[in-house]
Amino acid sequence: MPTAARPAAGLAWFKSSYSGGNTTECLETAFLPSGVLVRDSKRPGDPWLVVSEEAWMRFVRATTHLPCSVRRRDRPGP
């Protein structure tokens, strides 16, 4: 997968609502017209992962149907 090493102007990075208060293991994402950037929130200057829109949507659909206990490790299951 390609990575992006330089910041793109005007990106709006956001964290998942499932991140909670645990700041030690968090990814941030930013949308582009051609896909999604993913970065480690603790190392925003490091290279970013570039994911196509199609791959991102497949990921979101696949993880949306996981049980709560798998999606969010800091809470007990349903």
N, C-alpha and C. Protein backbone atom coordinates (compact mmCIF):
# COMPACT_ATOMS: atom_id res chain seq x y z
N MET A 1 0.83 -1.18 0.00
CA MET A 1 0.00 0.00 0.00
C MET A 1 0.87 1.24 0.00
N PRO A 2 0.46 2.25 -0.69
CA PRO A 2 1.25 3.47 -0.74
C PRO A 2 1.17 4.25 0.57
N THR A 3 2.19 5.04 0.81
CA THR A 3 2.18 5.93 1.97
C THR A 3 2.39 7.36 1.48
N ALA A 4 1.95 8.30 2.28
CA ALA A 4 2.14 9.72 1.96
C ALA A 4 3.02 10.33 3.04
N ALA A 5 4.14 10.93 2.66
CA ALA A 5 5.09 11.45 3.63
C ALA A 5 4.91 12.93 3.93
N ARG A 6 4.29 13.67 3.05
CA ARG A 6 4.16 15.12 3.25
C ARG A 6 2.72 15.50 3.52
N PRO A 7 2.54 16.48 4.41
CA PRO A 7 1.17 16.91 4.71
C PRO A 7 0.49 17.53 3.50
N ALA A 8 -0.78 17.27 3.38
CA ALA A 8 -1.60 17.91 2.35
C ALA A 8 -2.33 19.07 2.99
N ALA A 9 -2.39 20.19 2.32
CA ALA A 9 -2.99 21.39 2.89
C ALA A 9 -4.48 21.20 3.15
N GLY A 10 -4.95 21.72 4.27
CA GLY A 10 -6.37 21.76 4.56
C GLY A 10 -7.01 20.43 4.95
N LEU A 11 -6.23 19.46 5.40
CA LEU A 11 -6.82 18.19 5.80
C LEU A 11 -7.50 18.31 7.16
N ALA A 12 -8.64 17.67 7.30
CA ALA A 12 -9.35 17.62 8.59
C ALA A 12 -9.21 16.20 9.13
N TRP A 13 -8.29 16.00 10.07
CA TRP A 13 -8.07 14.69 10.67
C TRP A 13 -9.08 14.46 11.78
N PHE A 14 -9.54 13.22 11.92
CA PHE A 14 -10.46 12.90 13.01
C PHE A 14 -10.20 11.50 13.53
N LYS A 15 -10.60 11.29 14.79
CA LYS A 15 -10.47 9.98 15.42
C LYS A 15 -11.83 9.32 15.48
N SER A 16 -11.84 8.02 15.54
CA SER A 16 -13.08 7.27 15.68
C SER A 16 -13.75 7.59 17.00
N SER A 17 -15.06 7.54 17.02
CA SER A 17 -15.79 7.72 18.28
C SER A 17 -15.51 6.58 19.24
N TYR A 18 -14.96 5.47 18.74
CA TYR A 18 -14.59 4.34 19.59
C TYR A 18 -13.23 4.52 20.24
N SER A 19 -12.53 5.60 19.94
CA SER A 19 -11.22 5.82 20.54
C SER A 19 -11.30 6.06 22.03
N GLY A 20 -12.35 6.73 22.47
CA GLY A 20 -12.52 6.99 23.90
C GLY A 20 -11.38 7.81 24.45
N GLY A 21 -11.07 7.61 25.71
CA GLY A 21 -10.01 8.37 26.37
C GLY A 21 -8.65 7.72 26.25
N ASN A 22 -8.56 6.55 25.66
CA ASN A 22 -7.30 5.85 25.54
C ASN A 22 -6.51 6.44 24.38
N THR A 23 -5.55 7.30 24.70
CA THR A 23 -4.78 7.97 23.65
C THR A 23 -3.53 7.20 23.27
N THR A 24 -3.30 6.02 23.83
CA THR A 24 -2.08 5.28 23.53
C THR A 24 -2.19 4.46 22.25
N GLU A 25 -3.37 4.17 21.78
CA GLU A 25 -3.55 3.34 20.58
C GLU A 25 -4.62 3.93 19.69
N CYS A 26 -4.29 4.98 18.99
CA CYS A 26 -5.33 5.65 18.20
C CYS A 26 -4.83 5.97 16.80
N LEU A 27 -5.70 5.74 15.85
CA LEU A 27 -5.46 6.14 14.48
C LEU A 27 -6.35 7.32 14.15
N GLU A 28 -5.88 8.15 13.25
CA GLU A 28 -6.68 9.27 12.75
C GLU A 28 -6.83 9.08 11.25
N THR A 29 -7.92 9.58 10.73
CA THR A 29 -8.17 9.50 9.30
C THR A 29 -8.53 10.88 8.75
N ALA A 30 -8.28 11.05 7.48
CA ALA A 30 -8.66 12.28 6.77
C ALA A 30 -9.13 11.86 5.38
N PHE A 31 -10.22 12.46 4.94
CA PHE A 31 -10.77 12.13 3.63
C PHE A 31 -10.14 12.97 2.53
N LEU A 32 -9.89 12.33 1.42
CA LEU A 32 -9.41 12.97 0.20
C LEU A 32 -10.43 12.68 -0.89
N PRO A 33 -10.43 13.44 -1.98
CA PRO A 33 -11.34 13.12 -3.08
C PRO A 33 -11.10 11.70 -3.63
N SER A 34 -9.86 11.22 -3.54
CA SER A 34 -9.52 9.92 -4.12
C SER A 34 -9.47 8.78 -3.09
N GLY A 35 -9.71 9.05 -1.81
CA GLY A 35 -9.64 7.99 -0.81
C GLY A 35 -9.50 8.53 0.60
N VAL A 36 -8.73 7.79 1.41
CA VAL A 36 -8.61 8.12 2.84
C VAL A 36 -7.14 8.00 3.25
N LEU A 37 -6.69 8.95 4.06
CA LEU A 37 -5.37 8.87 4.68
C LEU A 37 -5.56 8.34 6.10
N VAL A 38 -4.62 7.51 6.55
CA VAL A 38 -4.65 6.97 7.91
C VAL A 38 -3.29 7.23 8.52
N ARG A 39 -3.27 7.74 9.77
CA ARG A 39 -2.00 8.00 10.44
C ARG A 39 -2.08 7.63 11.91
N ASP A 40 -0.92 7.47 12.51
CA ASP A 40 -0.80 7.23 13.94
C ASP A 40 -0.91 8.59 14.62
N SER A 41 -1.86 8.74 15.54
CA SER A 41 -2.08 10.04 16.17
C SER A 41 -0.88 10.49 17.01
N LYS A 42 -0.07 9.54 17.47
CA LYS A 42 1.10 9.90 18.27
C LYS A 42 2.28 10.34 17.40
N ARG A 43 2.22 10.03 16.10
CA ARG A 43 3.31 10.36 15.18
C ARG A 43 2.75 10.98 13.90
N PRO A 44 2.11 12.12 14.01
CA PRO A 44 1.45 12.71 12.84
C PRO A 44 2.41 13.11 11.72
N GLY A 45 3.69 13.27 12.02
CA GLY A 45 4.65 13.64 10.99
C GLY A 45 5.21 12.46 10.22
N ASP A 46 4.97 11.25 10.70
CA ASP A 46 5.44 10.05 9.99
C ASP A 46 4.60 9.82 8.74
N PRO A 47 5.06 8.96 7.84
CA PRO A 47 4.26 8.68 6.62
C PRO A 47 2.86 8.17 6.95
N TRP A 48 1.94 8.48 6.08
CA TRP A 48 0.54 8.08 6.26
C TRP A 48 0.20 6.99 5.28
N LEU A 49 -0.72 6.15 5.66
CA LEU A 49 -1.22 5.11 4.77
C LEU A 49 -2.30 5.71 3.88
N VAL A 50 -2.23 5.44 2.59
CA VAL A 50 -3.22 5.93 1.63
C VAL A 50 -4.10 4.75 1.23
N VAL A 51 -5.41 4.88 1.46
CA VAL A 51 -6.36 3.80 1.18
C VAL A 51 -7.38 4.30 0.17
N SER A 52 -7.68 3.49 -0.82
CA SER A 52 -8.68 3.89 -1.81
C SER A 52 -10.05 3.99 -1.15
N GLU A 53 -10.93 4.76 -1.78
CA GLU A 53 -12.29 4.89 -1.26
C GLU A 53 -12.99 3.53 -1.19
N GLU A 54 -12.79 2.72 -2.21
CA GLU A 54 -13.42 1.40 -2.26
C GLU A 54 -12.92 0.51 -1.11
N ALA A 55 -11.60 0.49 -0.88
CA ALA A 55 -11.04 -0.32 0.21
C ALA A 55 -11.53 0.18 1.56
N TRP A 56 -11.62 1.50 1.74
CA TRP A 56 -12.09 2.06 3.00
C TRP A 56 -13.54 1.65 3.27
N MET A 57 -14.37 1.72 2.25
CA MET A 57 -15.78 1.35 2.42
C MET A 57 -15.92 -0.14 2.75
N ARG A 58 -15.11 -0.98 2.13
CA ARG A 58 -15.13 -2.42 2.47
C ARG A 58 -14.72 -2.63 3.92
N PHE A 59 -13.71 -1.91 4.38
CA PHE A 59 -13.26 -2.00 5.76
C PHE A 59 -14.37 -1.56 6.72
N VAL A 60 -14.99 -0.43 6.45
CA VAL A 60 -16.05 0.08 7.32
C VAL A 60 -17.22 -0.90 7.37
N ARG A 61 -17.65 -1.41 6.22
CA ARG A 61 -18.75 -2.37 6.20
C ARG A 61 -18.40 -3.64 6.98
N ALA A 62 -17.18 -4.12 6.82
CA ALA A 62 -16.77 -5.36 7.50
C ALA A 62 -16.69 -5.18 9.01
N THR A 63 -16.21 -4.04 9.46
CA THR A 63 -16.05 -3.84 10.91
C THR A 63 -17.32 -3.36 11.59
N THR A 64 -18.24 -2.80 10.86
CA THR A 64 -19.50 -2.34 11.45
C THR A 64 -20.30 -3.49 12.01
N HIS A 65 -20.16 -4.67 11.44
CA HIS A 65 -20.96 -5.82 11.86
C HIS A 65 -20.28 -6.68 12.92
N LEU A 66 -19.11 -6.25 13.41
CA LEU A 66 -18.43 -7.01 14.45
C LEU A 66 -19.12 -6.79 15.79
N PRO A 67 -19.08 -7.76 16.68
CA PRO A 67 -19.65 -7.55 18.02
C PRO A 67 -18.92 -6.43 18.73
N CYS A 68 -19.60 -5.77 19.61
CA CYS A 68 -19.04 -4.64 20.36
C CYS A 68 -17.74 -5.03 21.07
N SER A 69 -17.68 -6.23 21.61
CA SER A 69 -16.49 -6.64 22.36
C SER A 69 -15.25 -6.71 21.47
N VAL A 70 -15.42 -6.92 20.17
CA VAL A 70 -14.29 -6.96 19.25
C VAL A 70 -13.93 -5.55 18.81
N ARG A 71 -14.93 -4.72 18.55
CA ARG A 71 -14.68 -3.36 18.08
C ARG A 71 -14.07 -2.49 19.16
N ARG A 72 -14.44 -2.71 20.40
CA ARG A 72 -13.99 -1.84 21.48
C ARG A 72 -13.47 -2.70 22.62
N ARG A 73 -12.16 -2.76 22.73
CA ARG A 73 -11.55 -3.63 23.72
C ARG A 73 -11.68 -3.12 25.14
N ASP A 74 -11.91 -1.82 25.34
CA ASP A 74 -11.94 -1.29 26.70
C ASP A 74 -13.31 -1.43 27.36
N ARG A 75 -14.25 -2.03 26.67
CA ARG A 75 -15.59 -2.27 27.25
C ARG A 75 -15.94 -3.73 27.14
N PRO A 76 -16.70 -4.24 28.08
CA PRO A 76 -17.16 -5.64 27.96
C PRO A 76 -18.11 -5.80 26.78
N GLY A 77 -18.27 -7.03 26.34
CA GLY A 77 -19.16 -7.32 25.20
C GLY A 77 -20.60 -6.99 25.49
N PRO A 78 -21.48 -7.18 24.47
CA PRO A 78 -22.89 -6.81 24.57
C PRO A 78 -23.63 -7.52 25.68
